[in-house]
Amino acid sequence: MEVLIYIFLVIAVMWGVQLYFAVQQSQRFSKSLKQLRTLGESAVGIGGFRYRGGRAFVALSHKEGVVTGAKVLTGLTVFASPVDYPELVGKTLVELTKEERIPTLRKKVQAAAKMAAEVLLAGPRLNESDAPKDA
């Protein structure tokens, strides 16, 4: 019975450590998003497969439809960190939404950039509280 208690204790400690690193990763990504917001309107896109080859998280900022800043979350698991991605800077949002393959981008990064560009092209969304009320 004592062995079972130790096993559960080790699992709980390991889960706590993983949770700590996940929070640290989230805070690093949020801090990098603050930097992008100074360059213009920004959005985050997700690409790739969840279990096959991982995911790509791409944050874009733009002014007048041209990408002014880009960050990609790179690394393994909770140790991934946001890094600048200059390959996307200078491209137009419309160019990123096209189905044509951009040879300098990995497939999952291009899919994530496409998602972020589509969100930016769609413009600001209204919350239900912001929507006009019928009189």
N, C-alpha and C. Protein backbone atom coordinates (compact mmCIF):
# COMPACT_ATOMS: atom_id res chain seq x y z
N MET A 1 0.82 -1.19 0.00
CA MET A 1 0.00 0.00 0.00
C MET A 1 0.87 1.26 0.00
N GLU A 2 2.01 1.23 0.70
CA GLU A 2 2.89 2.39 0.74
C GLU A 2 3.45 2.72 -0.64
N VAL A 3 3.75 1.69 -1.44
CA VAL A 3 4.29 1.90 -2.78
C VAL A 3 3.28 2.66 -3.63
N LEU A 4 2.02 2.31 -3.51
CA LEU A 4 0.96 2.97 -4.27
C LEU A 4 0.87 4.46 -3.90
N ILE A 5 1.02 4.78 -2.65
CA ILE A 5 0.99 6.18 -2.20
C ILE A 5 2.15 6.95 -2.81
N TYR A 6 3.34 6.34 -2.82
CA TYR A 6 4.51 7.00 -3.41
C TYR A 6 4.33 7.20 -4.92
N ILE A 7 3.74 6.23 -5.58
CA ILE A 7 3.50 6.37 -7.03
C ILE A 7 2.56 7.55 -7.29
N PHE A 8 1.47 7.65 -6.54
CA PHE A 8 0.54 8.77 -6.72
C PHE A 8 1.20 10.10 -6.36
N LEU A 9 2.05 10.10 -5.37
CA LEU A 9 2.76 11.32 -4.98
C LEU A 9 3.71 11.77 -6.10
N VAL A 10 4.44 10.83 -6.69
CA VAL A 10 5.35 11.16 -7.79
C VAL A 10 4.56 11.69 -8.99
N ILE A 11 3.44 11.07 -9.30
CA ILE A 11 2.60 11.54 -10.41
C ILE A 11 2.10 12.95 -10.14
N ALA A 12 1.68 13.23 -8.92
CA ALA A 12 1.19 14.57 -8.57
C ALA A 12 2.30 15.62 -8.70
N VAL A 13 3.50 15.28 -8.26
CA VAL A 13 4.63 16.22 -8.36
C VAL A 13 4.98 16.46 -9.83
N MET A 14 5.01 15.40 -10.63
CA MET A 14 5.32 15.55 -12.05
C MET A 14 4.26 16.41 -12.74
N TRP A 15 3.00 16.23 -12.41
CA TRP A 15 1.92 17.03 -12.99
C TRP A 15 2.08 18.49 -12.59
N GLY A 16 2.44 18.75 -11.34
CA GLY A 16 2.66 20.12 -10.87
C GLY A 16 3.81 20.80 -11.60
N VAL A 17 4.89 20.08 -11.83
CA VAL A 17 6.04 20.63 -12.57
C VAL A 17 5.63 20.95 -14.00
N GLN A 18 4.90 20.04 -14.64
CA GLN A 18 4.44 20.28 -16.01
C GLN A 18 3.52 21.49 -16.07
N LEU A 19 2.65 21.64 -15.12
CA LEU A 19 1.75 22.79 -15.06
C LEU A 19 2.53 24.09 -14.88
N TYR A 20 3.54 24.07 -14.05
CA TYR A 20 4.39 25.25 -13.85
C TYR A 20 5.05 25.68 -15.16
N PHE A 21 5.64 24.71 -15.89
CA PHE A 21 6.30 25.04 -17.15
C PHE A 21 5.30 25.51 -18.21
N ALA A 22 4.08 24.96 -18.20
CA ALA A 22 3.06 25.40 -19.15
C ALA A 22 2.67 26.86 -18.89
N VAL A 23 2.57 27.24 -17.63
CA VAL A 23 2.25 28.63 -17.28
C VAL A 23 3.39 29.56 -17.71
N GLN A 24 4.62 29.14 -17.50
CA GLN A 24 5.78 29.94 -17.91
C GLN A 24 5.78 30.14 -19.43
N GLN A 25 5.48 29.08 -20.18
CA GLN A 25 5.42 29.17 -21.64
C GLN A 25 4.33 30.15 -22.07
N SER A 26 3.19 30.07 -21.45
CA SER A 26 2.08 30.96 -21.78
C SER A 26 2.44 32.42 -21.50
N GLN A 27 3.12 32.67 -20.42
CA GLN A 27 3.54 34.03 -20.09
C GLN A 27 4.58 34.56 -21.08
N ARG A 28 5.50 33.71 -21.52
CA ARG A 28 6.48 34.13 -22.54
C ARG A 28 5.79 34.50 -23.84
N PHE A 29 4.82 33.69 -24.26
CA PHE A 29 4.11 33.96 -25.51
C PHE A 29 3.28 35.24 -25.39
N SER A 30 2.64 35.45 -24.25
CA SER A 30 1.85 36.67 -24.04
C SER A 30 2.74 37.91 -24.07
N LYS A 31 3.92 37.82 -23.49
CA LYS A 31 4.84 38.95 -23.50
C LYS A 31 5.27 39.28 -24.94
N SER A 32 5.50 38.26 -25.75
CA SER A 32 5.90 38.50 -27.14
C SER A 32 4.74 39.10 -27.94
N LEU A 33 3.50 38.75 -27.58
CA LEU A 33 2.34 39.33 -28.26
C LEU A 33 2.22 40.82 -27.96
N LYS A 34 2.58 41.23 -26.76
CA LYS A 34 2.56 42.66 -26.43
C LYS A 34 3.50 43.44 -27.34
N GLN A 35 4.67 42.85 -27.64
CA GLN A 35 5.61 43.50 -28.56
C GLN A 35 5.02 43.62 -29.96
N LEU A 36 4.32 42.58 -30.42
CA LEU A 36 3.71 42.62 -31.75
C LEU A 36 2.59 43.65 -31.83
N ARG A 37 1.86 43.82 -30.76
CA ARG A 37 0.74 44.78 -30.77
C ARG A 37 1.21 46.21 -30.97
N THR A 38 2.46 46.50 -30.63
CA THR A 38 2.98 47.85 -30.87
C THR A 38 3.23 48.09 -32.36
N LEU A 39 3.31 47.01 -33.15
CA LEU A 39 3.56 47.13 -34.59
C LEU A 39 2.29 47.22 -35.41
N GLY A 40 1.14 47.02 -34.79
CA GLY A 40 -0.14 47.08 -35.50
C GLY A 40 -1.11 46.06 -34.94
N GLU A 41 -2.24 45.91 -35.64
CA GLU A 41 -3.27 44.95 -35.23
C GLU A 41 -2.69 43.55 -35.34
N SER A 42 -3.01 42.67 -34.39
CA SER A 42 -2.38 41.35 -34.38
C SER A 42 -3.40 40.24 -34.18
N ALA A 43 -2.99 39.02 -34.56
CA ALA A 43 -3.80 37.81 -34.38
C ALA A 43 -2.87 36.61 -34.32
N VAL A 44 -3.41 35.51 -33.77
CA VAL A 44 -2.64 34.27 -33.65
C VAL A 44 -3.36 33.18 -34.43
N GLY A 45 -2.59 32.38 -35.17
CA GLY A 45 -3.14 31.26 -35.92
C GLY A 45 -2.49 29.97 -35.50
N ILE A 46 -3.20 28.86 -35.72
CA ILE A 46 -2.71 27.53 -35.36
C ILE A 46 -2.70 26.67 -36.61
N GLY A 47 -1.63 25.93 -36.83
CA GLY A 47 -1.53 25.04 -37.98
C GLY A 47 -0.90 23.73 -37.60
N GLY A 48 -1.02 22.76 -38.48
CA GLY A 48 -0.42 21.45 -38.23
C GLY A 48 -1.39 20.51 -37.54
N PHE A 49 -0.87 19.35 -37.23
CA PHE A 49 -1.67 18.30 -36.60
C PHE A 49 -1.33 18.21 -35.13
N ARG A 50 -2.33 17.96 -34.33
CA ARG A 50 -2.12 17.93 -32.88
C ARG A 50 -1.20 16.80 -32.46
N TYR A 51 -1.37 15.64 -33.02
CA TYR A 51 -0.60 14.49 -32.57
C TYR A 51 0.45 14.02 -33.57
N ARG A 52 0.34 14.41 -34.83
CA ARG A 52 1.31 14.00 -35.85
C ARG A 52 2.18 15.19 -36.22
N GLY A 53 3.34 15.30 -35.67
CA GLY A 53 4.26 16.35 -36.06
C GLY A 53 4.06 17.67 -35.36
N GLY A 54 3.21 17.72 -34.39
CA GLY A 54 3.06 18.92 -33.59
C GLY A 54 2.25 20.02 -34.24
N ARG A 55 2.15 21.11 -33.54
CA ARG A 55 1.40 22.28 -33.96
C ARG A 55 2.34 23.44 -34.17
N ALA A 56 1.89 24.38 -34.97
CA ALA A 56 2.62 25.64 -35.15
C ALA A 56 1.69 26.75 -34.70
N PHE A 57 2.20 27.64 -33.87
CA PHE A 57 1.47 28.82 -33.43
C PHE A 57 2.19 30.03 -34.01
N VAL A 58 1.47 30.80 -34.83
CA VAL A 58 2.06 31.96 -35.48
C VAL A 58 1.27 33.20 -35.07
N ALA A 59 1.98 34.22 -34.61
CA ALA A 59 1.37 35.50 -34.28
C ALA A 59 1.82 36.51 -35.33
N LEU A 60 0.85 37.22 -35.91
CA LEU A 60 1.14 38.23 -36.93
C LEU A 60 0.64 39.59 -36.48
N SER A 61 1.32 40.64 -36.90
CA SER A 61 0.79 41.99 -36.77
C SER A 61 0.87 42.62 -38.15
N HIS A 62 -0.04 43.57 -38.40
CA HIS A 62 -0.04 44.19 -39.72
C HIS A 62 -0.47 45.64 -39.63
N LYS A 63 -0.09 46.38 -40.65
CA LYS A 63 -0.58 47.73 -40.88
C LYS A 63 -0.92 47.82 -42.35
N GLU A 64 -2.15 48.22 -42.62
CA GLU A 64 -2.64 48.39 -44.00
C GLU A 64 -2.46 47.14 -44.84
N GLY A 65 -2.65 45.97 -44.24
CA GLY A 65 -2.62 44.71 -44.97
C GLY A 65 -1.25 44.11 -45.21
N VAL A 66 -0.19 44.73 -44.69
CA VAL A 66 1.17 44.21 -44.86
C VAL A 66 1.69 43.77 -43.49
N VAL A 67 2.25 42.58 -43.43
CA VAL A 67 2.75 42.03 -42.17
C VAL A 67 3.95 42.86 -41.70
N THR A 68 3.85 43.37 -40.46
CA THR A 68 4.92 44.18 -39.89
C THR A 68 5.72 43.43 -38.84
N GLY A 69 5.19 42.31 -38.36
CA GLY A 69 5.90 41.51 -37.36
C GLY A 69 5.31 40.11 -37.31
N ALA A 70 6.15 39.13 -37.03
CA ALA A 70 5.69 37.74 -36.95
C ALA A 70 6.52 37.00 -35.92
N LYS A 71 5.86 36.17 -35.15
CA LYS A 71 6.53 35.31 -34.17
C LYS A 71 5.96 33.91 -34.32
N VAL A 72 6.84 32.92 -34.14
CA VAL A 72 6.44 31.52 -34.19
C VAL A 72 6.90 30.85 -32.91
N LEU A 73 6.03 30.04 -32.33
CA LEU A 73 6.38 29.30 -31.12
C LEU A 73 7.15 28.05 -31.57
N THR A 74 8.45 28.00 -31.23
CA THR A 74 9.27 26.87 -31.65
C THR A 74 9.92 26.20 -30.44
N GLY A 75 10.10 24.91 -30.55
CA GLY A 75 10.71 24.15 -29.47
C GLY A 75 9.86 22.94 -29.15
N LEU A 76 10.28 22.20 -28.15
CA LEU A 76 9.56 20.99 -27.76
C LEU A 76 8.70 21.22 -26.54
N THR A 77 7.50 20.76 -26.61
CA THR A 77 6.51 20.75 -25.52
C THR A 77 6.47 22.08 -24.78
N VAL A 78 6.54 22.03 -23.47
CA VAL A 78 6.41 23.25 -22.66
C VAL A 78 7.67 24.11 -22.68
N PHE A 79 8.72 23.65 -23.35
CA PHE A 79 9.95 24.43 -23.44
C PHE A 79 10.00 25.27 -24.72
N ALA A 80 8.93 25.25 -25.51
CA ALA A 80 8.87 26.06 -26.73
C ALA A 80 8.82 27.53 -26.37
N SER A 81 9.48 28.34 -27.19
CA SER A 81 9.53 29.79 -26.97
C SER A 81 9.21 30.53 -28.26
N PRO A 82 8.64 31.73 -28.16
CA PRO A 82 8.36 32.51 -29.36
C PRO A 82 9.65 33.12 -29.91
N VAL A 83 9.83 33.01 -31.23
CA VAL A 83 10.98 33.61 -31.89
C VAL A 83 10.49 34.43 -33.08
N ASP A 84 11.25 35.47 -33.43
CA ASP A 84 10.91 36.28 -34.60
C ASP A 84 10.95 35.41 -35.85
N TYR A 85 10.07 35.71 -36.79
CA TYR A 85 10.00 34.94 -38.03
C TYR A 85 9.99 35.92 -39.20
N PRO A 86 11.18 36.40 -39.61
CA PRO A 86 11.26 37.45 -40.62
C PRO A 86 10.79 37.02 -42.01
N GLU A 87 10.65 35.70 -42.26
CA GLU A 87 10.18 35.24 -43.57
C GLU A 87 8.77 35.74 -43.90
N LEU A 88 7.99 36.06 -42.87
CA LEU A 88 6.62 36.53 -43.09
C LEU A 88 6.51 38.05 -43.18
N VAL A 89 7.48 38.76 -42.64
CA VAL A 89 7.42 40.22 -42.63
C VAL A 89 7.53 40.74 -44.06
N GLY A 90 6.63 41.67 -44.39
CA GLY A 90 6.60 42.26 -45.72
C GLY A 90 5.60 41.60 -46.66
N LYS A 91 5.13 40.42 -46.33
CA LYS A 91 4.12 39.76 -47.16
C LYS A 91 2.76 40.39 -46.87
N THR A 92 1.87 40.34 -47.83
CA THR A 92 0.53 40.87 -47.62
C THR A 92 -0.36 39.79 -47.00
N LEU A 93 -1.40 40.23 -46.31
CA LEU A 93 -2.33 39.28 -45.71
C LEU A 93 -3.03 38.46 -46.79
N VAL A 94 -3.36 39.09 -47.90
CA VAL A 94 -4.02 38.38 -49.00
C VAL A 94 -3.11 37.29 -49.55
N GLU A 95 -1.82 37.58 -49.65
CA GLU A 95 -0.85 36.60 -50.13
C GLU A 95 -0.80 35.38 -49.20
N LEU A 96 -0.91 35.62 -47.90
CA LEU A 96 -0.85 34.52 -46.92
C LEU A 96 -2.11 33.66 -46.94
N THR A 97 -3.24 34.22 -47.37
CA THR A 97 -4.49 33.45 -47.37
C THR A 97 -4.66 32.59 -48.61
N LYS A 98 -3.83 32.78 -49.62
CA LYS A 98 -3.94 31.98 -50.84
C LYS A 98 -3.52 30.55 -50.57
N GLU A 99 -4.04 29.66 -51.39
CA GLU A 99 -3.75 28.22 -51.24
C GLU A 99 -2.38 27.85 -51.78
N GLU A 100 -1.75 28.77 -52.54
CA GLU A 100 -0.46 28.46 -53.13
C GLU A 100 0.58 28.24 -52.04
N ARG A 101 1.43 27.27 -52.26
CA ARG A 101 2.48 26.95 -51.29
C ARG A 101 3.61 27.97 -51.39
N ILE A 102 4.02 28.50 -50.24
CA ILE A 102 5.18 29.39 -50.18
C ILE A 102 6.38 28.52 -49.82
N PRO A 103 7.33 28.36 -50.75
CA PRO A 103 8.40 27.37 -50.55
C PRO A 103 9.29 27.61 -49.33
N THR A 104 9.40 28.85 -48.86
CA THR A 104 10.29 29.11 -47.72
C THR A 104 9.65 28.79 -46.38
N LEU A 105 8.36 28.46 -46.36
CA LEU A 105 7.65 28.19 -45.11
C LEU A 105 7.34 26.71 -44.96
N ARG A 106 7.46 26.21 -43.73
CA ARG A 106 7.00 24.85 -43.45
C ARG A 106 5.49 24.84 -43.58
N LYS A 107 4.95 23.68 -43.93
CA LYS A 107 3.52 23.55 -44.21
C LYS A 107 2.66 23.99 -43.01
N LYS A 108 3.03 23.55 -41.80
CA LYS A 108 2.22 23.89 -40.63
C LYS A 108 2.36 25.37 -40.27
N VAL A 109 3.51 25.98 -40.53
CA VAL A 109 3.68 27.42 -40.27
C VAL A 109 2.84 28.21 -41.26
N GLN A 110 2.82 27.77 -42.52
CA GLN A 110 2.00 28.47 -43.52
C GLN A 110 0.52 28.35 -43.18
N ALA A 111 0.07 27.19 -42.70
CA ALA A 111 -1.33 27.02 -42.32
C ALA A 111 -1.69 27.93 -41.14
N ALA A 112 -0.79 28.05 -40.18
CA ALA A 112 -1.04 28.93 -39.03
C ALA A 112 -1.04 30.39 -39.45
N ALA A 113 -0.12 30.76 -40.34
CA ALA A 113 -0.08 32.14 -40.83
C ALA A 113 -1.33 32.46 -41.63
N LYS A 114 -1.82 31.50 -42.39
CA LYS A 114 -3.05 31.68 -43.15
C LYS A 114 -4.23 31.94 -42.21
N MET A 115 -4.32 31.17 -41.14
CA MET A 115 -5.42 31.35 -40.18
C MET A 115 -5.36 32.74 -39.55
N ALA A 116 -4.16 33.17 -39.13
CA ALA A 116 -4.02 34.48 -38.52
C ALA A 116 -4.36 35.59 -39.53
N ALA A 117 -3.93 35.43 -40.78
CA ALA A 117 -4.22 36.43 -41.81
C ALA A 117 -5.72 36.51 -42.08
N GLU A 118 -6.39 35.37 -42.10
CA GLU A 118 -7.84 35.37 -42.33
C GLU A 118 -8.57 36.09 -41.21
N VAL A 119 -8.12 35.89 -39.98
CA VAL A 119 -8.74 36.60 -38.84
C VAL A 119 -8.53 38.09 -38.97
N LEU A 120 -7.32 38.51 -39.35
CA LEU A 120 -7.04 39.93 -39.50
C LEU A 120 -7.83 40.55 -40.65
N LEU A 121 -8.00 39.81 -41.74
CA LEU A 121 -8.77 40.33 -42.87
C LEU A 121 -10.26 40.43 -42.55
N ALA A 122 -10.74 39.56 -41.67
CA ALA A 122 -12.15 39.59 -41.29
C ALA A 122 -12.47 40.83 -40.47
N GLY A 123 -11.48 41.44 -39.88
CA GLY A 123 -11.69 42.66 -39.11
C GLY A 123 -12.18 42.40 -37.71
N PRO A 124 -12.41 43.48 -36.96
CA PRO A 124 -12.85 43.32 -35.58
C PRO A 124 -14.24 42.70 -35.50
N ARG A 125 -14.41 41.88 -34.52
CA ARG A 125 -15.70 41.23 -34.30
C ARG A 125 -16.42 41.94 -33.16
N LEU A 126 -17.74 41.98 -33.26
CA LEU A 126 -18.54 42.59 -32.22
C LEU A 126 -18.92 41.55 -31.16
N ASN A 127 -18.83 41.94 -29.92
CA ASN A 127 -19.35 41.10 -28.85
C ASN A 127 -20.84 41.31 -28.80
N GLU A 128 -21.55 40.39 -28.18
CA GLU A 128 -23.00 40.54 -28.07
C GLU A 128 -23.36 41.83 -27.33
N SER A 129 -22.55 42.24 -26.36
CA SER A 129 -22.84 43.45 -25.61
C SER A 129 -22.62 44.70 -26.47
N ASP A 130 -21.77 44.58 -27.53
CA ASP A 130 -21.50 45.72 -28.41
C ASP A 130 -22.50 45.84 -29.53
N ALA A 131 -23.23 44.77 -29.81
CA ALA A 131 -24.16 44.76 -30.93
C ALA A 131 -25.29 45.75 -30.67
N PRO A 132 -25.78 46.42 -31.74
CA PRO A 132 -26.90 47.35 -31.55
C PRO A 132 -28.16 46.64 -31.11
N LYS A 133 -28.88 47.26 -30.23
CA LYS A 133 -30.11 46.68 -29.70
C LYS A 133 -31.28 47.15 -30.56
N ASP A 134 -32.21 46.22 -30.84
CA ASP A 134 -33.41 46.60 -31.58
C ASP A 134 -34.34 47.34 -30.63
N ALA A 135 -34.86 48.45 -31.10
CA ALA A 135 -35.72 49.28 -30.25
C ALA A 135 -37.14 48.81 -30.24
